[in-house]
């Protein structure tokens, strides 16, 4: 299984305007995902796009981290937009754990 991929895109002033997450979003990579999400918080622009694509696998541990990140964005008044590129099984998984409304509001 490949490692988590976490890439950021910045504007001219160095503020983060986009985050792209790919690879396996599973318990094995949860600590790395948390570290990356926490590290990017101080550098976020007022609006940020979060792109989740190329997922090999996804489980509840990483979904919970993303939900916590979304809540923190709200506390910081950072507007966020998701771009999810999921296969049918991954979309079904998020729906089955009851998080599709919160996470997929801007899905495809």
Protein backbone atom coordinates (compact mmCIF):
# COMPACT_ATOMS: atom_id res chain seq x y z
CA UNK A 1 0.00 0.00 0.00
CA UNK A 2 1.31 3.45 -0.89
CA UNK A 3 1.78 6.28 1.56
CA UNK A 4 -0.56 9.17 2.07
CA UNK A 5 -0.02 12.06 -0.33
CA UNK A 6 -0.70 15.57 0.98
CA UNK A 7 -0.01 18.53 -1.29
CA UNK A 8 -0.77 22.19 -0.82
CA UNK A 9 -1.16 25.04 -3.29
CA UNK A 10 -0.42 28.57 -2.16
CA UNK A 11 -1.21 32.03 -3.46
CA UNK A 12 1.32 34.80 -4.09
CA UNK A 13 1.57 35.63 -0.40
CA UNK A 14 2.26 32.05 0.65
CA UNK A 15 -1.21 31.41 2.08
CA UNK A 16 -2.70 27.97 1.43
CA UNK A 17 -5.60 28.06 -1.04
CA UNK A 18 -5.89 24.35 -1.85
CA UNK A 19 -5.10 21.02 -0.22
CA UNK A 20 -4.98 17.78 -2.18
CA UNK A 21 -5.17 14.49 -0.32
CA UNK A 22 -4.70 11.11 -2.00
CA UNK A 23 -3.51 7.59 -1.34
CA UNK A 24 -4.81 5.30 1.39
CA UNK A 25 -6.80 7.18 4.04
CA UNK A 26 -6.63 4.41 6.62
CA UNK A 27 -5.66 3.97 10.27
CA UNK A 28 -2.05 3.27 9.32
CA UNK A 29 -1.82 6.80 7.86
CA UNK A 30 -4.09 8.60 10.34
CA UNK A 31 -1.22 10.07 12.38
CA UNK A 32 0.43 11.45 9.24
CA UNK A 33 -2.86 12.94 8.04
CA UNK A 34 -3.45 14.59 11.43
CA UNK A 35 0.08 16.03 11.44
CA UNK A 36 -0.37 17.51 7.96
CA UNK A 37 -3.81 18.96 8.69
CA UNK A 38 -2.67 20.57 11.95
CA UNK A 39 0.48 21.98 10.32
CA UNK A 40 -1.44 23.71 7.54
CA UNK A 41 -3.98 25.46 9.82
CA UNK A 42 -1.94 28.63 10.58
CA UNK A 43 -1.27 29.24 6.89
CA UNK A 44 -4.78 28.96 5.45
CA UNK A 45 -6.30 31.68 3.30
CA UNK A 46 -9.87 32.78 4.11
CA UNK A 47 -11.15 30.31 1.50
CA UNK A 48 -9.65 26.90 0.84
CA UNK A 49 -10.45 24.09 -1.56
CA UNK A 50 -9.92 20.52 -0.37
CA UNK A 51 -9.47 17.95 -3.11
CA UNK A 52 -9.73 14.29 -2.19
CA UNK A 53 -8.84 12.03 -5.10
CA UNK A 54 -6.91 8.92 -6.00
CA UNK A 55 -7.99 7.13 -2.86
CA UNK A 56 -6.84 3.55 -2.62
CA UNK A 57 -8.87 2.98 0.53
CA UNK A 58 -10.68 4.98 3.20
CA UNK A 59 -11.74 4.13 6.72
CA UNK A 60 -13.47 5.84 9.60
CA UNK A 61 -10.27 6.94 11.38
CA UNK A 62 -9.31 9.34 8.59
CA UNK A 63 -12.89 10.42 7.98
CA UNK A 64 -13.09 11.48 11.64
CA UNK A 65 -9.92 13.54 11.21
CA UNK A 66 -11.39 15.28 8.18
CA UNK A 67 -14.61 16.02 10.10
CA UNK A 68 -12.55 17.49 12.97
CA UNK A 69 -10.60 19.57 10.44
CA UNK A 70 -13.86 20.90 8.97
CA UNK A 71 -15.04 21.91 12.44
CA UNK A 72 -11.75 23.71 13.08
CA UNK A 73 -12.08 25.55 9.75
CA UNK A 74 -15.46 26.78 10.94
CA UNK A 75 -13.96 28.02 14.20
CA UNK A 76 -11.32 29.89 12.19
CA UNK A 77 -13.96 31.31 9.80
CA UNK A 78 -12.27 29.64 6.83
CA UNK A 79 -14.70 28.92 4.01
CA UNK A 80 -14.07 25.48 2.54
CA UNK A 81 -15.15 23.66 -0.57
CA UNK A 82 -14.62 19.96 -1.17
CA UNK A 83 -13.93 18.26 -4.44
CA UNK A 84 -14.37 14.53 -3.90
CA UNK A 85 -13.33 12.06 -6.57
CA UNK A 86 -14.60 8.83 -5.09
CA UNK A 87 -15.64 5.55 -6.55
CA UNK A 88 -19.11 4.18 -5.89
CA UNK A 89 -17.98 1.99 -2.97
CA UNK A 90 -16.27 4.91 -1.25
CA UNK A 91 -19.34 7.11 -1.65
CA UNK A 92 -21.50 4.30 -0.26
CA UNK A 93 -19.13 3.97 2.72
CA UNK A 94 -19.47 7.65 3.60
CA UNK A 95 -23.23 7.43 3.25
CA UNK A 96 -23.37 4.31 5.45
CA UNK A 97 -21.52 6.01 8.31
CA UNK A 98 -23.85 9.00 8.07
CA UNK A 99 -21.27 11.55 6.99
CA UNK A 100 -22.14 11.98 3.34
CA UNK A 101 -24.13 15.16 3.98
CA UNK A 102 -21.34 16.82 5.93
CA UNK A 103 -18.52 15.68 3.67
CA UNK A 104 -20.09 15.41 0.23
CA UNK A 105 -22.00 18.64 0.01
CA UNK A 106 -19.82 19.76 -2.88
CA UNK A 107 -19.22 16.33 -4.38
CA UNK A 108 -18.94 16.18 -8.18
